[in-house]
Amino acid sequence: MECKNIEIPRRTTRTYKIHFTKDGRDEDITGWTIYFTAKLKMDDSDTGAPIMKTIIGHTDPVNGKTEIELLKTDTDIACKSYHYSIDYLDDEGNEGILFWGRLKISKRVRD
């Protein structure tokens, strides 16, 4: 689990690539689910989260590669600082947090 703060200009598309390895080798993530959740307060429900992405189709699951694509419609939210996390659920029911931190949605120069 790693803390990373990120900033995205409002109404901007961003893609985050994740590569899973275990003991230095690619980990097969076939059947895994990856979640990206952003909300104002940690105690807010997931169902009310301004951004909630569920990824089940991976770019190269056998070699541990997936992408989280935040579309401009996802980032068309209030310019504020949100709590976010990227979590996984593997094919055996194990859960974990990959990254967490603050997501700042900033105002664009040309809005």
N, C-alpha and C. Protein backbone atom coordinates (compact mmCIF):
# COMPACT_ATOMS: atom_id res chain seq x y z
N MET A 1 0.85 -1.16 0.00
CA MET A 1 0.00 0.00 0.00
C MET A 1 0.90 1.23 0.00
N GLU A 2 0.60 2.14 -0.88
CA GLU A 2 1.43 3.32 -1.05
C GLU A 2 0.56 4.58 -1.12
N CYS A 3 0.98 5.62 -0.41
CA CYS A 3 0.27 6.89 -0.44
C CYS A 3 0.80 7.73 -1.60
N LYS A 4 -0.11 8.15 -2.47
CA LYS A 4 0.23 9.00 -3.60
C LYS A 4 -0.86 10.04 -3.77
N ASN A 5 -0.48 11.29 -3.76
CA ASN A 5 -1.44 12.36 -4.04
C ASN A 5 -1.39 12.66 -5.53
N ILE A 6 -2.57 12.88 -6.11
CA ILE A 6 -2.64 13.17 -7.55
C ILE A 6 -3.51 14.41 -7.77
N GLU A 7 -3.26 15.07 -8.88
CA GLU A 7 -4.04 16.24 -9.25
C GLU A 7 -4.45 16.10 -10.71
N ILE A 8 -5.71 16.39 -10.96
CA ILE A 8 -6.26 16.31 -12.32
C ILE A 8 -7.06 17.58 -12.58
N PRO A 9 -6.79 18.26 -13.68
CA PRO A 9 -7.65 19.40 -14.02
C PRO A 9 -9.07 18.91 -14.30
N ARG A 10 -10.03 19.69 -13.88
CA ARG A 10 -11.45 19.34 -14.07
C ARG A 10 -11.75 19.06 -15.54
N ARG A 11 -12.62 18.09 -15.78
CA ARG A 11 -13.04 17.68 -17.14
C ARG A 11 -11.85 17.26 -18.00
N THR A 12 -10.94 16.50 -17.42
CA THR A 12 -9.77 15.99 -18.15
C THR A 12 -9.76 14.47 -18.05
N THR A 13 -9.38 13.80 -19.13
CA THR A 13 -9.24 12.35 -19.13
C THR A 13 -7.83 11.97 -18.72
N ARG A 14 -7.72 11.01 -17.83
CA ARG A 14 -6.41 10.49 -17.39
C ARG A 14 -6.48 8.97 -17.35
N THR A 15 -5.39 8.33 -17.76
CA THR A 15 -5.30 6.88 -17.70
C THR A 15 -4.12 6.50 -16.82
N TYR A 16 -4.37 5.63 -15.87
CA TYR A 16 -3.33 5.14 -14.96
C TYR A 16 -3.09 3.67 -15.24
N LYS A 17 -1.83 3.33 -15.53
CA LYS A 17 -1.47 1.95 -15.83
C LYS A 17 -0.92 1.30 -14.57
N ILE A 18 -1.38 0.09 -14.30
CA ILE A 18 -0.93 -0.66 -13.13
C ILE A 18 -0.38 -2.00 -13.60
N HIS A 19 0.76 -2.37 -13.05
CA HIS A 19 1.40 -3.64 -13.40
C HIS A 19 1.62 -4.42 -12.10
N PHE A 20 0.96 -5.56 -12.00
CA PHE A 20 1.05 -6.41 -10.81
C PHE A 20 2.18 -7.41 -10.97
N THR A 21 3.05 -7.47 -9.98
CA THR A 21 4.11 -8.47 -9.94
C THR A 21 4.14 -9.10 -8.56
N LYS A 22 4.65 -10.29 -8.50
CA LYS A 22 4.82 -10.99 -7.23
C LYS A 22 6.16 -11.71 -7.30
N ASP A 23 7.03 -11.44 -6.35
CA ASP A 23 8.38 -12.02 -6.32
C ASP A 23 9.13 -11.75 -7.63
N GLY A 24 8.93 -10.55 -8.19
CA GLY A 24 9.64 -10.15 -9.39
C GLY A 24 9.07 -10.69 -10.70
N ARG A 25 7.97 -11.40 -10.63
CA ARG A 25 7.36 -11.98 -11.84
C ARG A 25 5.96 -11.40 -12.03
N ASP A 26 5.54 -11.32 -13.30
CA ASP A 26 4.19 -10.86 -13.60
C ASP A 26 3.17 -11.75 -12.89
N GLU A 27 2.16 -11.12 -12.31
CA GLU A 27 1.11 -11.88 -11.63
C GLU A 27 -0.14 -11.91 -12.50
N ASP A 28 -0.68 -13.09 -12.71
CA ASP A 28 -1.89 -13.25 -13.52
C ASP A 28 -3.07 -12.67 -12.74
N ILE A 29 -3.71 -11.64 -13.28
CA ILE A 29 -4.84 -11.00 -12.61
C ILE A 29 -6.17 -11.33 -13.29
N THR A 30 -6.20 -12.41 -14.04
CA THR A 30 -7.44 -12.87 -14.65
C THR A 30 -8.47 -13.10 -13.54
N GLY A 31 -9.65 -12.53 -13.71
CA GLY A 31 -10.71 -12.70 -12.72
C GLY A 31 -10.67 -11.69 -11.57
N TRP A 32 -9.69 -10.80 -11.56
CA TRP A 32 -9.58 -9.79 -10.51
C TRP A 32 -10.48 -8.60 -10.83
N THR A 33 -10.86 -7.87 -9.79
CA THR A 33 -11.60 -6.62 -9.93
C THR A 33 -10.77 -5.51 -9.28
N ILE A 34 -10.63 -4.39 -9.98
CA ILE A 34 -9.91 -3.23 -9.48
C ILE A 34 -10.93 -2.11 -9.30
N TYR A 35 -10.83 -1.40 -8.19
CA TYR A 35 -11.76 -0.31 -7.88
C TYR A 35 -11.00 1.00 -7.71
N PHE A 36 -11.53 2.08 -8.26
CA PHE A 36 -11.05 3.43 -8.01
C PHE A 36 -12.21 4.18 -7.39
N THR A 37 -12.02 4.67 -6.17
CA THR A 37 -13.08 5.37 -5.46
C THR A 37 -12.55 6.70 -4.97
N ALA A 38 -13.32 7.77 -5.18
CA ALA A 38 -12.96 9.10 -4.67
C ALA A 38 -14.20 9.69 -4.00
N LYS A 39 -14.01 10.19 -2.79
CA LYS A 39 -15.12 10.81 -2.06
C LYS A 39 -14.61 11.93 -1.16
N LEU A 40 -15.50 12.85 -0.81
CA LEU A 40 -15.11 14.01 -0.01
C LEU A 40 -14.69 13.62 1.41
N LYS A 41 -15.47 12.77 2.06
CA LYS A 41 -15.16 12.33 3.42
C LYS A 41 -14.96 10.83 3.43
N MET A 42 -14.02 10.39 4.24
CA MET A 42 -13.74 8.95 4.32
C MET A 42 -14.99 8.16 4.73
N ASP A 43 -15.84 8.78 5.55
CA ASP A 43 -17.03 8.09 6.05
C ASP A 43 -18.20 8.09 5.08
N ASP A 44 -18.09 8.84 3.97
CA ASP A 44 -19.17 8.84 2.98
C ASP A 44 -19.34 7.44 2.40
N SER A 45 -20.56 7.10 2.03
CA SER A 45 -20.79 5.77 1.45
C SER A 45 -20.18 5.69 0.06
N ASP A 46 -19.77 4.49 -0.31
CA ASP A 46 -19.23 4.27 -1.66
C ASP A 46 -20.27 4.57 -2.73
N THR A 47 -21.53 4.30 -2.44
CA THR A 47 -22.57 4.52 -3.45
C THR A 47 -22.76 6.00 -3.76
N GLY A 48 -22.38 6.88 -2.84
CA GLY A 48 -22.48 8.31 -3.08
C GLY A 48 -21.19 8.95 -3.54
N ALA A 49 -20.18 8.15 -3.84
CA ALA A 49 -18.88 8.67 -4.24
C ALA A 49 -18.97 9.41 -5.57
N PRO A 50 -18.36 10.61 -5.67
CA PRO A 50 -18.37 11.33 -6.95
C PRO A 50 -17.68 10.57 -8.08
N ILE A 51 -16.66 9.77 -7.73
CA ILE A 51 -16.02 8.91 -8.73
C ILE A 51 -15.95 7.50 -8.17
N MET A 52 -16.51 6.56 -8.91
CA MET A 52 -16.46 5.14 -8.54
C MET A 52 -16.31 4.33 -9.82
N LYS A 53 -15.12 3.77 -10.02
CA LYS A 53 -14.86 2.98 -11.22
C LYS A 53 -14.60 1.53 -10.80
N THR A 54 -15.14 0.59 -11.57
CA THR A 54 -14.91 -0.83 -11.35
C THR A 54 -14.33 -1.39 -12.63
N ILE A 55 -13.14 -1.97 -12.53
CA ILE A 55 -12.45 -2.49 -13.72
C ILE A 55 -12.38 -4.02 -13.62
N ILE A 56 -13.01 -4.68 -14.60
CA ILE A 56 -12.95 -6.14 -14.65
C ILE A 56 -12.31 -6.63 -15.94
N GLY A 57 -12.24 -5.75 -16.95
CA GLY A 57 -11.59 -6.08 -18.21
C GLY A 57 -10.20 -5.46 -18.21
N HIS A 58 -9.17 -6.28 -18.16
CA HIS A 58 -7.80 -5.79 -18.04
C HIS A 58 -7.09 -5.81 -19.39
N THR A 59 -6.11 -4.93 -19.56
CA THR A 59 -5.42 -4.81 -20.85
C THR A 59 -4.59 -6.04 -21.18
N ASP A 60 -3.97 -6.66 -20.18
CA ASP A 60 -3.16 -7.87 -20.37
C ASP A 60 -3.12 -8.63 -19.04
N PRO A 61 -4.25 -9.29 -18.70
CA PRO A 61 -4.35 -9.90 -17.37
C PRO A 61 -3.31 -10.98 -17.09
N VAL A 62 -2.98 -11.79 -18.06
CA VAL A 62 -2.01 -12.87 -17.85
C VAL A 62 -0.66 -12.30 -17.41
N ASN A 63 -0.31 -11.13 -17.93
CA ASN A 63 0.96 -10.48 -17.57
C ASN A 63 0.79 -9.37 -16.53
N GLY A 64 -0.36 -9.37 -15.82
CA GLY A 64 -0.56 -8.48 -14.69
C GLY A 64 -0.80 -7.03 -15.02
N LYS A 65 -1.29 -6.72 -16.22
CA LYS A 65 -1.44 -5.31 -16.62
C LYS A 65 -2.90 -4.91 -16.74
N THR A 66 -3.20 -3.75 -16.17
CA THR A 66 -4.54 -3.18 -16.27
C THR A 66 -4.43 -1.67 -16.33
N GLU A 67 -5.53 -1.02 -16.66
CA GLU A 67 -5.58 0.43 -16.73
C GLU A 67 -6.84 0.94 -16.05
N ILE A 68 -6.69 2.08 -15.40
CA ILE A 68 -7.84 2.80 -14.86
C ILE A 68 -7.97 4.07 -15.68
N GLU A 69 -9.07 4.19 -16.40
CA GLU A 69 -9.28 5.37 -17.22
C GLU A 69 -10.35 6.25 -16.58
N LEU A 70 -9.93 7.44 -16.17
CA LEU A 70 -10.88 8.43 -15.67
C LEU A 70 -11.22 9.34 -16.85
N LEU A 71 -12.45 9.29 -17.28
CA LEU A 71 -12.91 10.08 -18.41
C LEU A 71 -13.23 11.50 -17.98
N LYS A 72 -13.34 12.39 -18.95
CA LYS A 72 -13.65 13.78 -18.60
C LYS A 72 -15.00 13.87 -17.90
N THR A 73 -15.91 12.95 -18.18
CA THR A 73 -17.19 12.94 -17.46
C THR A 73 -17.00 12.52 -16.00
N ASP A 74 -15.99 11.70 -15.71
CA ASP A 74 -15.69 11.30 -14.33
C ASP A 74 -15.12 12.47 -13.54
N THR A 75 -14.29 13.27 -14.18
CA THR A 75 -13.61 14.38 -13.49
C THR A 75 -14.37 15.71 -13.61
N ASP A 76 -15.58 15.65 -14.13
CA ASP A 76 -16.42 16.85 -14.20
C ASP A 76 -17.18 17.00 -12.89
N ILE A 77 -16.42 17.22 -11.82
CA ILE A 77 -16.96 17.36 -10.47
C ILE A 77 -16.38 18.64 -9.85
N ALA A 78 -16.84 18.98 -8.69
CA ALA A 78 -16.40 20.21 -8.02
C ALA A 78 -14.89 20.23 -7.84
N CYS A 79 -14.30 21.40 -8.01
CA CYS A 79 -12.85 21.58 -7.80
C CYS A 79 -12.58 21.59 -6.30
N LYS A 80 -12.25 20.42 -5.81
CA LYS A 80 -12.01 20.20 -4.38
C LYS A 80 -10.96 19.11 -4.22
N SER A 81 -10.62 18.85 -2.97
CA SER A 81 -9.72 17.76 -2.63
C SER A 81 -10.54 16.59 -2.10
N TYR A 82 -10.33 15.41 -2.67
CA TYR A 82 -11.08 14.21 -2.33
C TYR A 82 -10.12 13.15 -1.77
N HIS A 83 -10.64 12.26 -0.95
CA HIS A 83 -9.90 11.07 -0.55
C HIS A 83 -10.11 10.05 -1.67
N TYR A 84 -9.06 9.32 -2.03
CA TYR A 84 -9.23 8.28 -3.05
C TYR A 84 -8.46 7.03 -2.64
N SER A 85 -8.87 5.92 -3.20
CA SER A 85 -8.10 4.69 -3.06
C SER A 85 -8.28 3.84 -4.31
N ILE A 86 -7.27 3.04 -4.57
CA ILE A 86 -7.32 2.04 -5.63
C ILE A 86 -7.19 0.70 -4.91
N ASP A 87 -8.23 -0.11 -5.01
CA ASP A 87 -8.30 -1.38 -4.30
C ASP A 87 -8.43 -2.53 -5.29
N TYR A 88 -8.15 -3.73 -4.80
CA TYR A 88 -8.33 -4.92 -5.64
C TYR A 88 -9.07 -6.01 -4.88
N LEU A 89 -9.71 -6.86 -5.64
CA LEU A 89 -10.32 -8.09 -5.15
C LEU A 89 -9.84 -9.18 -6.10
N ASP A 90 -9.03 -10.12 -5.57
CA ASP A 90 -8.48 -11.14 -6.48
C ASP A 90 -9.45 -12.29 -6.67
N ASP A 91 -9.07 -13.24 -7.51
CA ASP A 91 -9.96 -14.34 -7.86
C ASP A 91 -10.16 -15.35 -6.74
N GLU A 92 -9.44 -15.19 -5.61
CA GLU A 92 -9.61 -16.06 -4.45
C GLU A 92 -10.35 -15.35 -3.31
N GLY A 93 -10.81 -14.12 -3.57
CA GLY A 93 -11.55 -13.38 -2.56
C GLY A 93 -10.70 -12.51 -1.64
N ASN A 94 -9.40 -12.44 -1.90
CA ASN A 94 -8.52 -11.57 -1.11
C ASN A 94 -8.67 -10.14 -1.57
N GLU A 95 -8.68 -9.21 -0.60
CA GLU A 95 -8.82 -7.79 -0.91
C GLU A 95 -7.61 -7.03 -0.39
N GLY A 96 -7.35 -5.90 -1.04
CA GLY A 96 -6.25 -5.07 -0.58
C GLY A 96 -6.31 -3.68 -1.19
N ILE A 97 -5.51 -2.79 -0.62
CA ILE A 97 -5.40 -1.42 -1.11
C ILE A 97 -4.05 -1.27 -1.79
N LEU A 98 -4.05 -0.80 -3.03
CA LEU A 98 -2.81 -0.58 -3.77
C LEU A 98 -2.27 0.81 -3.51
N PHE A 99 -3.12 1.82 -3.70
CA PHE A 99 -2.74 3.22 -3.52
C PHE A 99 -3.86 3.94 -2.81
N TRP A 100 -3.52 4.98 -2.09
CA TRP A 100 -4.50 5.84 -1.44
C TRP A 100 -3.88 7.21 -1.29
N GLY A 101 -4.70 8.20 -1.06
CA GLY A 101 -4.18 9.54 -0.87
C GLY A 101 -5.25 10.57 -1.16
N ARG A 102 -4.80 11.73 -1.62
CA ARG A 102 -5.70 12.83 -1.94
C ARG A 102 -5.72 13.03 -3.45
N LEU A 103 -6.90 13.23 -3.96
CA LEU A 103 -7.12 13.57 -5.37
C LEU A 103 -7.61 14.99 -5.41
N LYS A 104 -6.84 15.86 -6.03
CA LYS A 104 -7.27 17.24 -6.17
C LYS A 104 -7.79 17.46 -7.58
N ILE A 105 -9.02 17.89 -7.66
CA ILE A 105 -9.59 18.29 -8.94
C ILE A 105 -9.41 19.81 -9.01
N SER A 106 -8.60 20.26 -9.97
CA SER A 106 -8.26 21.67 -10.04
C SER A 106 -8.98 22.36 -11.21
N LYS A 107 -9.09 23.66 -11.09
CA LYS A 107 -9.72 24.46 -12.13
C LYS A 107 -8.77 24.54 -13.33
N ARG A 108 -9.31 24.45 -14.50
CA ARG A 108 -8.52 24.59 -15.73
C ARG A 108 -8.34 26.06 -16.05
N VAL A 109 -7.26 26.39 -16.74
CA VAL A 109 -7.03 27.77 -17.15
C VAL A 109 -8.11 28.19 -18.13
N ARG A 110 -8.36 27.35 -19.12
CA ARG A 110 -9.43 27.62 -20.08
C ARG A 110 -10.60 26.73 -19.71
N ASP A 111 -11.58 27.31 -19.09
CA ASP A 111 -12.70 26.51 -18.58
C ASP A 111 -13.87 26.73 -19.47
